[in-house]
Amino acid sequence: MSPNWEELAQTLDQLIAADDNWESPMDGPAAGDKISRPLKSKMGYKAEYTLNCTPSELTEVVTDVTRRGEWDTFCAQIETLQKEPQVIYYCTHAQFMASAREEVMWVGSVDRNNATYVLGTSCTDEKYPVKGKGVKMSTKVAGHVIFPDTAGCRVIQVLDTDPGGMLPGSITRRVATEKVPKMIQNLRRIVDGKSGSNE
C-alpha cells in the first residue's frame, strides 16, 4: 500500500522544524542558501535556497525521473518500476571508500500550506526487490517543499536516511560541503536553461 502523503508531509514538516536535529547552518553556493547537517540522523541534510522559476516548473524538473541525473549528485541509476502509484529503484554513486547505496522508493506529491511537497520514502513491497548493486539503505523521508516566492520559488530540501551501516565522518561531511551545494547549482543551471552535471 502506498504511503499517506499528507502524513508523510507532516513528518517532513516536523523534521524541518526540529532544531535539535540540525547543526547550525553553513552557507551554500549563493547568498541566502543554507545547508545543515543532522545531529541525530545517520545520514541526511537540510538545504534552503531560492530558484528563479515557478513552483510548478521546479516540480516538473524534480519529478521527471529521466532528468534526475542532471541535478542529483548522488544518483548513479534510477528506474521507474511502477507508474501509479509511482515506485522507483534508486542507486547512488560509490563515495570514496564507501560502497554504492540502493533502495526501492515510493514517490509522490501533495499540495498543502501554500506549498508543493515532492516526497519519497522506502518501499518494502516484496514485488520490488533491490538489484544487489550496493548496500541497501532505508529512507524515512526525503523531499522538496516548494513555496512561491518573489524570486520565483523558495525550496526546503531534506533527506533523512539510514545508509545501511556506519559511514566515515569524512563522507557525511562531504555530503553537506560538496554534494548538496553542487545539487543546488545544478538545479539553478537547469531552471536558467543550462545543463546540469552530477559529477
N, C-alpha and C. Protein backbone atom coordinates (compact mmCIF):
# COMPACT_ATOMS: atom_id res chain seq x y z
N MET A 1 0.85 -1.19 0.00
CA MET A 1 0.00 0.00 0.00
C MET A 1 0.89 1.24 0.00
N SER A 2 0.53 2.22 -0.83
CA SER A 2 1.33 3.43 -0.92
C SER A 2 1.18 4.27 0.34
N PRO A 3 2.12 5.16 0.60
CA PRO A 3 2.07 5.97 1.82
C PRO A 3 0.89 6.95 1.81
N ASN A 4 0.54 7.41 3.00
CA ASN A 4 -0.37 8.53 3.15
C ASN A 4 0.47 9.79 2.98
N TRP A 5 0.33 10.47 1.85
CA TRP A 5 1.22 11.58 1.53
C TRP A 5 1.03 12.76 2.48
N GLU A 6 -0.19 12.98 2.95
CA GLU A 6 -0.43 14.04 3.93
C GLU A 6 0.36 13.77 5.21
N GLU A 7 0.31 12.54 5.69
CA GLU A 7 1.04 12.18 6.90
C GLU A 7 2.55 12.29 6.69
N LEU A 8 3.02 11.88 5.51
CA LEU A 8 4.45 11.96 5.24
C LEU A 8 4.90 13.42 5.15
N ALA A 9 4.04 14.28 4.59
CA ALA A 9 4.36 15.71 4.56
C ALA A 9 4.45 16.28 5.97
N GLN A 10 3.57 15.84 6.86
CA GLN A 10 3.63 16.28 8.24
C GLN A 10 4.92 15.81 8.91
N THR A 11 5.33 14.58 8.61
CA THR A 11 6.60 14.07 9.14
C THR A 11 7.76 14.94 8.67
N LEU A 12 7.73 15.33 7.40
CA LEU A 12 8.78 16.18 6.87
C LEU A 12 8.77 17.55 7.55
N ASP A 13 7.58 18.11 7.75
CA ASP A 13 7.47 19.40 8.44
C ASP A 13 8.07 19.32 9.84
N GLN A 14 7.76 18.24 10.56
CA GLN A 14 8.28 18.08 11.92
C GLN A 14 9.80 17.97 11.91
N LEU A 15 10.33 17.26 10.93
CA LEU A 15 11.79 17.12 10.83
C LEU A 15 12.44 18.46 10.53
N ILE A 16 11.86 19.22 9.63
CA ILE A 16 12.40 20.54 9.28
C ILE A 16 12.42 21.45 10.50
N ALA A 17 11.34 21.41 11.28
CA ALA A 17 11.19 22.32 12.42
C ALA A 17 11.96 21.88 13.66
N ALA A 18 12.50 20.66 13.67
CA ALA A 18 13.18 20.13 14.86
C ALA A 18 14.60 20.71 14.96
N ASP A 19 14.72 21.83 15.64
CA ASP A 19 16.03 22.50 15.75
C ASP A 19 17.08 21.61 16.40
N ASP A 20 16.64 20.71 17.30
CA ASP A 20 17.60 19.85 17.98
C ASP A 20 18.13 18.74 17.07
N ASN A 21 17.63 18.64 15.84
CA ASN A 21 18.12 17.63 14.91
C ASN A 21 19.16 18.19 13.94
N TRP A 22 19.39 19.52 13.96
CA TRP A 22 20.25 20.11 12.95
C TRP A 22 21.39 20.93 13.56
N GLU A 23 22.56 20.79 12.96
CA GLU A 23 23.67 21.67 13.31
C GLU A 23 23.36 23.09 12.82
N SER A 24 24.12 24.05 13.29
CA SER A 24 23.99 25.41 12.77
C SER A 24 24.27 25.39 11.27
N PRO A 25 23.46 26.08 10.48
CA PRO A 25 23.62 26.00 9.02
C PRO A 25 24.90 26.64 8.53
N MET A 26 25.43 26.07 7.46
CA MET A 26 26.57 26.66 6.76
C MET A 26 26.05 27.33 5.49
N ASP A 27 26.84 28.24 4.96
CA ASP A 27 26.45 28.92 3.74
C ASP A 27 26.50 27.98 2.55
N GLY A 28 25.54 28.16 1.64
CA GLY A 28 25.52 27.38 0.41
C GLY A 28 26.21 28.11 -0.73
N PRO A 29 25.96 27.69 -1.97
CA PRO A 29 26.71 28.24 -3.10
C PRO A 29 26.33 29.67 -3.49
N ALA A 30 25.20 30.18 -3.02
CA ALA A 30 24.81 31.56 -3.33
C ALA A 30 24.33 32.25 -2.07
N ALA A 31 24.28 33.56 -2.09
CA ALA A 31 23.83 34.33 -0.94
C ALA A 31 22.43 33.89 -0.54
N GLY A 32 22.25 33.63 0.75
CA GLY A 32 20.95 33.21 1.26
C GLY A 32 20.76 31.71 1.32
N ASP A 33 21.58 30.94 0.62
CA ASP A 33 21.50 29.48 0.68
C ASP A 33 22.01 29.00 2.03
N LYS A 34 21.34 28.02 2.62
CA LYS A 34 21.75 27.46 3.89
C LYS A 34 21.69 25.93 3.81
N ILE A 35 22.71 25.28 4.35
CA ILE A 35 22.77 23.81 4.37
C ILE A 35 23.12 23.37 5.78
N SER A 36 22.32 22.45 6.31
CA SER A 36 22.53 21.95 7.68
C SER A 36 22.75 20.45 7.67
N ARG A 37 23.67 20.01 8.53
CA ARG A 37 23.90 18.59 8.73
C ARG A 37 23.06 18.11 9.92
N PRO A 38 22.64 16.84 9.92
CA PRO A 38 21.83 16.34 11.04
C PRO A 38 22.67 16.01 12.27
N LEU A 39 22.06 16.19 13.43
CA LEU A 39 22.69 15.79 14.69
C LEU A 39 22.28 14.38 15.09
N LYS A 40 21.08 13.95 14.68
CA LYS A 40 20.55 12.67 15.14
C LYS A 40 20.48 11.62 14.03
N SER A 41 20.14 12.02 12.82
CA SER A 41 20.01 11.06 11.73
C SER A 41 21.38 10.48 11.36
N LYS A 42 21.39 9.25 10.85
CA LYS A 42 22.65 8.64 10.44
C LYS A 42 23.21 9.31 9.19
N MET A 43 22.31 9.76 8.32
CA MET A 43 22.74 10.39 7.07
C MET A 43 21.64 11.33 6.62
N GLY A 44 22.02 12.51 6.15
CA GLY A 44 20.99 13.42 5.66
C GLY A 44 21.48 14.84 5.58
N TYR A 45 20.55 15.73 5.28
CA TYR A 45 20.85 17.15 5.20
C TYR A 45 19.54 17.91 5.12
N LYS A 46 19.61 19.22 5.37
CA LYS A 46 18.53 20.16 5.11
C LYS A 46 19.13 21.33 4.34
N ALA A 47 18.57 21.61 3.17
CA ALA A 47 19.06 22.71 2.35
C ALA A 47 17.92 23.68 2.08
N GLU A 48 18.22 24.96 2.21
CA GLU A 48 17.22 26.01 1.98
C GLU A 48 17.79 26.98 0.95
N TYR A 49 17.02 27.22 -0.12
CA TYR A 49 17.52 28.06 -1.20
C TYR A 49 16.36 28.57 -2.05
N THR A 50 16.63 29.55 -2.90
CA THR A 50 15.62 30.05 -3.83
C THR A 50 16.08 29.80 -5.26
N LEU A 51 15.10 29.68 -6.15
CA LEU A 51 15.38 29.46 -7.57
C LEU A 51 14.54 30.40 -8.41
N ASN A 52 15.06 30.75 -9.56
CA ASN A 52 14.39 31.69 -10.45
C ASN A 52 13.44 30.93 -11.40
N CYS A 53 12.41 30.32 -10.82
CA CYS A 53 11.40 29.62 -11.61
C CYS A 53 10.14 29.51 -10.77
N THR A 54 9.05 29.12 -11.38
CA THR A 54 7.82 28.95 -10.62
C THR A 54 7.85 27.62 -9.88
N PRO A 55 7.04 27.46 -8.84
CA PRO A 55 6.96 26.16 -8.17
C PRO A 55 6.59 25.02 -9.11
N SER A 56 5.68 25.27 -10.04
CA SER A 56 5.27 24.20 -10.96
C SER A 56 6.41 23.81 -11.89
N GLU A 57 7.23 24.78 -12.30
CA GLU A 57 8.37 24.47 -13.17
C GLU A 57 9.38 23.61 -12.43
N LEU A 58 9.67 23.94 -11.18
CA LEU A 58 10.62 23.12 -10.42
C LEU A 58 10.04 21.74 -10.13
N THR A 59 8.76 21.68 -9.80
CA THR A 59 8.12 20.38 -9.55
C THR A 59 8.25 19.48 -10.76
N GLU A 60 8.09 20.05 -11.94
CA GLU A 60 8.21 19.26 -13.17
C GLU A 60 9.61 18.69 -13.31
N VAL A 61 10.63 19.48 -12.96
CA VAL A 61 12.01 19.02 -13.07
C VAL A 61 12.30 17.89 -12.08
N VAL A 62 11.97 18.10 -10.81
CA VAL A 62 12.39 17.13 -9.78
C VAL A 62 11.54 15.86 -9.79
N THR A 63 10.38 15.88 -10.45
CA THR A 63 9.57 14.65 -10.54
C THR A 63 9.82 13.89 -11.84
N ASP A 64 10.65 14.42 -12.73
CA ASP A 64 10.95 13.76 -14.00
C ASP A 64 12.12 12.80 -13.80
N VAL A 65 11.81 11.52 -13.74
CA VAL A 65 12.84 10.50 -13.49
C VAL A 65 13.94 10.56 -14.54
N THR A 66 13.59 10.87 -15.78
CA THR A 66 14.57 10.88 -16.86
C THR A 66 15.58 12.01 -16.71
N ARG A 67 15.28 13.01 -15.87
CA ARG A 67 16.18 14.15 -15.69
C ARG A 67 16.91 14.11 -14.35
N ARG A 68 16.68 13.07 -13.57
CA ARG A 68 17.25 13.04 -12.22
C ARG A 68 18.77 13.17 -12.22
N GLY A 69 19.41 12.50 -13.14
CA GLY A 69 20.87 12.55 -13.21
C GLY A 69 21.44 13.90 -13.58
N GLU A 70 20.60 14.80 -14.10
CA GLU A 70 21.07 16.14 -14.46
C GLU A 70 21.36 16.99 -13.24
N TRP A 71 20.67 16.69 -12.13
CA TRP A 71 20.84 17.56 -10.95
C TRP A 71 21.22 16.81 -9.68
N ASP A 72 20.83 15.54 -9.56
CA ASP A 72 21.05 14.81 -8.32
C ASP A 72 22.48 14.26 -8.29
N THR A 73 23.31 14.83 -7.45
CA THR A 73 24.72 14.47 -7.40
C THR A 73 24.98 13.09 -6.81
N PHE A 74 23.98 12.49 -6.19
CA PHE A 74 24.13 11.14 -5.63
C PHE A 74 23.73 10.06 -6.63
N CYS A 75 22.91 10.40 -7.62
CA CYS A 75 22.23 9.41 -8.44
C CYS A 75 23.13 8.79 -9.50
N ALA A 76 23.32 7.48 -9.41
CA ALA A 76 24.04 6.72 -10.43
C ALA A 76 23.07 6.00 -11.36
N GLN A 77 21.94 5.56 -10.82
CA GLN A 77 20.93 4.85 -11.62
C GLN A 77 19.56 5.07 -11.01
N ILE A 78 18.57 5.28 -11.85
CA ILE A 78 17.19 5.40 -11.39
C ILE A 78 16.29 4.77 -12.44
N GLU A 79 15.26 4.10 -11.98
CA GLU A 79 14.37 3.37 -12.89
C GLU A 79 12.96 3.36 -12.32
N THR A 80 11.99 3.64 -13.14
CA THR A 80 10.60 3.56 -12.72
C THR A 80 10.14 2.10 -12.76
N LEU A 81 9.68 1.58 -11.64
CA LEU A 81 9.21 0.20 -11.54
C LEU A 81 7.69 0.11 -11.64
N GLN A 82 7.01 1.17 -11.24
CA GLN A 82 5.55 1.22 -11.27
C GLN A 82 5.15 2.68 -11.42
N LYS A 83 4.15 2.94 -12.28
CA LYS A 83 3.79 4.33 -12.56
C LYS A 83 2.77 4.89 -11.58
N GLU A 84 1.75 4.14 -11.23
CA GLU A 84 0.69 4.66 -10.36
C GLU A 84 0.28 3.62 -9.32
N PRO A 85 0.49 3.93 -8.04
CA PRO A 85 1.34 4.98 -7.51
C PRO A 85 2.81 4.70 -7.84
N GLN A 86 3.60 5.74 -7.96
CA GLN A 86 4.94 5.59 -8.50
C GLN A 86 5.89 4.91 -7.53
N VAL A 87 6.62 3.93 -8.07
CA VAL A 87 7.68 3.24 -7.34
C VAL A 87 8.93 3.31 -8.20
N ILE A 88 10.06 3.68 -7.60
CA ILE A 88 11.31 3.77 -8.34
C ILE A 88 12.40 2.93 -7.68
N TYR A 89 13.35 2.51 -8.49
CA TYR A 89 14.60 1.95 -7.99
C TYR A 89 15.65 3.05 -8.09
N TYR A 90 16.45 3.20 -7.01
CA TYR A 90 17.43 4.28 -6.94
C TYR A 90 18.75 3.73 -6.42
N CYS A 91 19.84 4.08 -7.11
CA CYS A 91 21.17 3.64 -6.68
C CYS A 91 22.12 4.83 -6.73
N THR A 92 22.91 4.99 -5.67
CA THR A 92 23.84 6.11 -5.59
C THR A 92 25.19 5.74 -6.20
N HIS A 93 25.99 6.75 -6.44
CA HIS A 93 27.40 6.54 -6.75
C HIS A 93 28.11 6.05 -5.50
N ALA A 94 29.18 5.27 -5.68
CA ALA A 94 30.07 4.96 -4.57
C ALA A 94 30.77 6.25 -4.14
N GLN A 95 31.04 6.38 -2.85
CA GLN A 95 31.66 7.59 -2.32
C GLN A 95 33.00 7.24 -1.69
N PHE A 96 34.08 7.59 -2.35
CA PHE A 96 35.42 7.27 -1.84
C PHE A 96 35.50 5.80 -1.45
N MET A 97 35.69 5.49 -0.17
CA MET A 97 35.83 4.10 0.25
C MET A 97 34.48 3.45 0.56
N ALA A 98 33.39 4.20 0.48
CA ALA A 98 32.06 3.66 0.80
C ALA A 98 31.40 3.10 -0.45
N SER A 99 30.76 1.97 -0.31
CA SER A 99 30.06 1.34 -1.43
C SER A 99 28.85 2.17 -1.86
N ALA A 100 28.36 1.90 -3.05
CA ALA A 100 27.11 2.49 -3.51
C ALA A 100 25.98 2.06 -2.58
N ARG A 101 24.93 2.86 -2.53
CA ARG A 101 23.72 2.54 -1.76
C ARG A 101 22.55 2.42 -2.73
N GLU A 102 21.60 1.55 -2.41
CA GLU A 102 20.45 1.36 -3.28
C GLU A 102 19.20 1.14 -2.46
N GLU A 103 18.05 1.47 -3.05
CA GLU A 103 16.77 1.17 -2.43
C GLU A 103 15.65 1.32 -3.46
N VAL A 104 14.49 0.80 -3.08
CA VAL A 104 13.26 0.99 -3.83
C VAL A 104 12.41 1.97 -3.03
N MET A 105 11.82 2.96 -3.72
CA MET A 105 11.12 4.04 -3.02
C MET A 105 9.74 4.30 -3.63
N TRP A 106 8.81 4.67 -2.76
CA TRP A 106 7.58 5.31 -3.18
C TRP A 106 7.89 6.79 -3.42
N VAL A 107 7.35 7.38 -4.46
CA VAL A 107 7.47 8.82 -4.66
C VAL A 107 6.10 9.40 -5.02
N GLY A 108 5.81 10.57 -4.50
CA GLY A 108 4.53 11.20 -4.75
C GLY A 108 4.58 12.66 -4.34
N SER A 109 3.46 13.34 -4.46
CA SER A 109 3.42 14.75 -4.10
C SER A 109 2.05 15.11 -3.54
N VAL A 110 2.03 16.22 -2.80
CA VAL A 110 0.79 16.73 -2.23
C VAL A 110 0.94 18.24 -2.07
N ASP A 111 -0.16 18.96 -2.27
CA ASP A 111 -0.16 20.40 -2.06
C ASP A 111 -0.79 20.69 -0.70
N ARG A 112 -0.07 21.45 0.12
CA ARG A 112 -0.57 21.82 1.44
C ARG A 112 0.20 23.04 1.95
N ASN A 113 -0.44 23.84 2.80
CA ASN A 113 0.21 25.00 3.41
C ASN A 113 0.85 25.93 2.37
N ASN A 114 0.15 26.12 1.26
CA ASN A 114 0.63 27.01 0.20
C ASN A 114 1.95 26.55 -0.39
N ALA A 115 2.18 25.25 -0.39
CA ALA A 115 3.43 24.70 -0.93
C ALA A 115 3.15 23.36 -1.60
N THR A 116 4.05 22.97 -2.49
CA THR A 116 4.03 21.63 -3.08
C THR A 116 5.10 20.79 -2.41
N TYR A 117 4.70 19.63 -1.92
CA TYR A 117 5.61 18.69 -1.28
C TYR A 117 5.87 17.55 -2.27
N VAL A 118 7.11 17.40 -2.70
CA VAL A 118 7.52 16.27 -3.52
C VAL A 118 8.26 15.32 -2.60
N LEU A 119 7.73 14.11 -2.41
CA LEU A 119 8.14 13.25 -1.31
C LEU A 119 8.61 11.87 -1.77
N GLY A 120 9.49 11.29 -0.96
CA GLY A 120 9.92 9.93 -1.18
C GLY A 120 10.12 9.22 0.14
N THR A 121 9.89 7.90 0.13
CA THR A 121 10.12 7.08 1.31
C THR A 121 10.33 5.64 0.86
N SER A 122 11.02 4.85 1.65
CA SER A 122 11.34 3.49 1.25
C SER A 122 10.10 2.65 1.01
N CYS A 123 10.18 1.79 -0.01
CA CYS A 123 9.13 0.83 -0.33
C CYS A 123 9.63 -0.57 -0.01
N THR A 124 8.89 -1.30 0.80
CA THR A 124 9.31 -2.65 1.21
C THR A 124 8.47 -3.74 0.55
N ASP A 125 7.72 -3.38 -0.48
CA ASP A 125 6.90 -4.36 -1.20
C ASP A 125 7.80 -5.42 -1.80
N GLU A 126 7.53 -6.68 -1.51
CA GLU A 126 8.38 -7.77 -1.97
C GLU A 126 8.37 -7.93 -3.49
N LYS A 127 7.40 -7.31 -4.16
CA LYS A 127 7.37 -7.36 -5.62
C LYS A 127 8.54 -6.61 -6.22
N TYR A 128 9.14 -5.72 -5.43
CA TYR A 128 10.18 -4.85 -5.96
C TYR A 128 11.45 -4.95 -5.13
N PRO A 129 12.20 -6.04 -5.30
CA PRO A 129 13.46 -6.17 -4.55
C PRO A 129 14.53 -5.26 -5.14
N VAL A 130 15.55 -4.95 -4.33
CA VAL A 130 16.69 -4.20 -4.85
C VAL A 130 17.48 -5.10 -5.80
N LYS A 131 18.44 -4.51 -6.52
CA LYS A 131 19.13 -5.22 -7.58
C LYS A 131 20.49 -5.78 -7.18
N GLY A 132 20.91 -5.54 -5.94
CA GLY A 132 22.18 -6.06 -5.47
C GLY A 132 23.38 -5.28 -5.98
N LYS A 133 23.17 -3.99 -6.31
CA LYS A 133 24.27 -3.17 -6.82
C LYS A 133 24.95 -2.34 -5.74
N GLY A 134 24.47 -2.46 -4.51
CA GLY A 134 25.05 -1.69 -3.43
C GLY A 134 24.47 -2.11 -2.10
N VAL A 135 24.87 -1.42 -1.04
CA VAL A 135 24.32 -1.65 0.29
C VAL A 135 22.89 -1.11 0.32
N LYS A 136 21.98 -1.87 0.88
CA LYS A 136 20.59 -1.43 0.91
C LYS A 136 20.41 -0.34 1.97
N MET A 137 19.91 0.81 1.56
CA MET A 137 19.62 1.88 2.50
C MET A 137 18.11 1.96 2.74
N SER A 138 17.73 2.76 3.71
CA SER A 138 16.31 2.89 4.07
C SER A 138 16.02 4.35 4.38
N THR A 139 15.17 4.96 3.58
CA THR A 139 14.87 6.38 3.74
C THR A 139 13.54 6.56 4.46
N LYS A 140 13.61 7.26 5.59
CA LYS A 140 12.40 7.58 6.33
C LYS A 140 11.57 8.59 5.56
N VAL A 141 12.21 9.67 5.16
CA VAL A 141 11.53 10.68 4.36
C VAL A 141 12.59 11.50 3.61
N ALA A 142 12.24 11.87 2.39
CA ALA A 142 13.09 12.75 1.60
C ALA A 142 12.17 13.61 0.74
N GLY A 143 12.62 14.78 0.39
CA GLY A 143 11.78 15.55 -0.49
C GLY A 143 12.10 17.02 -0.57
N HIS A 144 11.31 17.68 -1.42
CA HIS A 144 11.38 19.12 -1.61
C HIS A 144 10.06 19.74 -1.17
N VAL A 145 10.14 20.80 -0.39
CA VAL A 145 8.97 21.63 -0.09
C VAL A 145 9.17 22.91 -0.89
N ILE A 146 8.25 23.19 -1.80
CA ILE A 146 8.44 24.25 -2.78
C ILE A 146 7.36 25.32 -2.59
N PHE A 147 7.80 26.50 -2.19
CA PHE A 147 6.89 27.62 -1.92
C PHE A 147 7.01 28.67 -3.02
N PRO A 148 5.91 29.36 -3.35
CA PRO A 148 6.04 30.54 -4.22
C PRO A 148 6.81 31.63 -3.49
N ASP A 149 7.59 32.41 -4.24
CA ASP A 149 8.43 33.45 -3.64
C ASP A 149 8.60 34.57 -4.66
N THR A 150 8.91 35.76 -4.18
CA THR A 150 9.10 36.88 -5.09
C THR A 150 10.24 36.62 -6.07
N ALA A 151 11.21 35.80 -5.67
CA ALA A 151 12.34 35.45 -6.55
C ALA A 151 11.96 34.36 -7.55
N GLY A 152 10.84 33.69 -7.33
CA GLY A 152 10.42 32.57 -8.16
C GLY A 152 9.84 31.48 -7.27
N CYS A 153 10.74 30.75 -6.58
CA CYS A 153 10.28 29.79 -5.58
C CYS A 153 11.33 29.63 -4.50
N ARG A 154 10.86 29.31 -3.32
CA ARG A 154 11.73 29.03 -2.18
C ARG A 154 11.62 27.55 -1.87
N VAL A 155 12.76 26.90 -1.63
CA VAL A 155 12.82 25.44 -1.50
C VAL A 155 13.45 25.05 -0.17
N ILE A 156 12.84 24.08 0.49
CA ILE A 156 13.49 23.39 1.60
C ILE A 156 13.60 21.93 1.17
N GLN A 157 14.82 21.47 1.02
CA GLN A 157 15.10 20.11 0.54
C GLN A 157 15.72 19.31 1.68
N VAL A 158 15.16 18.13 1.94
CA VAL A 158 15.57 17.36 3.12
C VAL A 158 15.76 15.89 2.77
N LEU A 159 16.76 15.28 3.41
CA LEU A 159 16.96 13.83 3.34
C LEU A 159 17.20 13.31 4.75
N ASP A 160 16.47 12.25 5.11
CA ASP A 160 16.68 11.56 6.38
C ASP A 160 16.70 10.07 6.07
N THR A 161 17.90 9.48 6.08
CA THR A 161 18.04 8.10 5.64
C THR A 161 19.01 7.33 6.52
N ASP A 162 18.84 6.03 6.54
CA ASP A 162 19.79 5.11 7.17
C ASP A 162 20.57 4.47 6.03
N PRO A 163 21.88 4.74 5.92
CA PRO A 163 22.64 4.24 4.77
C PRO A 163 22.97 2.75 4.83
N GLY A 164 22.45 2.05 5.83
CA GLY A 164 22.70 0.62 5.92
C GLY A 164 24.04 0.29 6.52
N GLY A 165 24.47 1.08 7.47
CA GLY A 165 25.76 0.89 8.12
C GLY A 165 26.42 2.23 8.35
N MET A 166 27.39 2.25 9.22
CA MET A 166 28.06 3.50 9.54
C MET A 166 28.95 3.94 8.38
N LEU A 167 28.96 5.25 8.14
CA LEU A 167 29.82 5.83 7.13
C LEU A 167 30.88 6.70 7.81
N PRO A 168 32.07 6.79 7.25
CA PRO A 168 33.09 7.67 7.83
C PRO A 168 32.60 9.11 7.89
N GLY A 169 33.03 9.82 8.93
CA GLY A 169 32.63 11.21 9.07
C GLY A 169 33.03 12.06 7.88
N SER A 170 34.12 11.70 7.22
CA SER A 170 34.56 12.47 6.06
C SER A 170 33.53 12.43 4.94
N ILE A 171 32.82 11.31 4.82
CA ILE A 171 31.81 11.18 3.76
C ILE A 171 30.56 11.97 4.12
N THR A 172 30.11 11.89 5.36
CA THR A 172 28.92 12.64 5.75
C THR A 172 29.18 14.15 5.67
N ARG A 173 30.40 14.58 5.96
CA ARG A 173 30.73 16.00 5.82
C ARG A 173 30.74 16.41 4.35
N ARG A 174 31.25 15.53 3.50
CA ARG A 174 31.32 15.84 2.07
C ARG A 174 29.93 16.01 1.47
N VAL A 175 28.95 15.29 2.00
CA VAL A 175 27.58 15.46 1.53
C VAL A 175 27.16 16.92 1.64
N ALA A 176 27.39 17.51 2.83
CA ALA A 176 26.96 18.88 3.08
C ALA A 176 27.85 19.92 2.41
N THR A 177 29.15 19.65 2.34
CA THR A 177 30.06 20.67 1.84
C THR A 177 30.28 20.61 0.33
N GLU A 178 30.01 19.47 -0.30
CA GLU A 178 30.26 19.33 -1.74
C GLU A 178 29.03 18.88 -2.52
N LYS A 179 28.42 17.79 -2.10
CA LYS A 179 27.36 17.19 -2.90
C LYS A 179 26.10 18.05 -2.95
N VAL A 180 25.65 18.53 -1.80
CA VAL A 180 24.42 19.33 -1.77
C VAL A 180 24.61 20.68 -2.46
N PRO A 181 25.71 21.41 -2.20
CA PRO A 181 25.90 22.65 -2.95
C PRO A 181 25.91 22.45 -4.46
N LYS A 182 26.55 21.37 -4.93
CA LYS A 182 26.56 21.08 -6.36
C LYS A 182 25.16 20.78 -6.87
N MET A 183 24.35 20.11 -6.06
CA MET A 183 22.98 19.81 -6.45
C MET A 183 22.18 21.10 -6.64
N ILE A 184 22.35 22.04 -5.72
CA ILE A 184 21.65 23.33 -5.83
C ILE A 184 22.11 24.06 -7.10
N GLN A 185 23.42 24.06 -7.35
CA GLN A 185 23.94 24.70 -8.55
C GLN A 185 23.38 24.06 -9.81
N ASN A 186 23.27 22.74 -9.82
CA ASN A 186 22.71 22.05 -10.98
C ASN A 186 21.27 22.45 -11.23
N LEU A 187 20.48 22.54 -10.18
CA LEU A 187 19.09 22.95 -10.34
C LEU A 187 19.01 24.39 -10.87
N ARG A 188 19.90 25.24 -10.39
CA ARG A 188 19.91 26.63 -10.90
C ARG A 188 20.24 26.65 -12.39
N ARG A 189 21.19 25.85 -12.81
CA ARG A 189 21.54 25.81 -14.23
C ARG A 189 20.35 25.32 -15.06
N ILE A 190 19.66 24.32 -14.56
CA ILE A 190 18.53 23.76 -15.31
C ILE A 190 17.42 24.78 -15.46
N VAL A 191 17.03 25.44 -14.37
CA VAL A 191 15.92 26.39 -14.45
C VAL A 191 16.32 27.65 -15.22
N ASP A 192 17.63 27.91 -15.32
CA ASP A 192 18.11 29.03 -16.13
C ASP A 192 18.35 28.62 -17.57
N GLY A 193 18.02 27.37 -17.92
CA GLY A 193 18.15 26.91 -19.29
C GLY A 193 19.50 26.39 -19.66
N LYS A 194 20.32 26.06 -18.66
CA LYS A 194 21.64 25.50 -18.92
C LYS A 194 21.65 24.04 -18.47
N SER A 195 22.69 23.32 -18.84
CA SER A 195 22.75 21.91 -18.48
C SER A 195 23.38 21.73 -17.11
N GLY A 196 22.88 20.73 -16.37
CA GLY A 196 23.46 20.40 -15.07
C GLY A 196 24.45 19.26 -15.20
N SER A 197 25.06 18.90 -14.08
CA SER A 197 26.02 17.81 -14.06
C SER A 197 25.97 17.13 -12.71
N ASN A 198 26.05 15.80 -12.68
CA ASN A 198 26.06 15.11 -11.39
C ASN A 198 27.45 14.63 -11.03
N GLU A 199 28.43 15.17 -11.65
CA GLU A 199 29.82 14.81 -11.32
C GLU A 199 30.21 15.43 -9.99
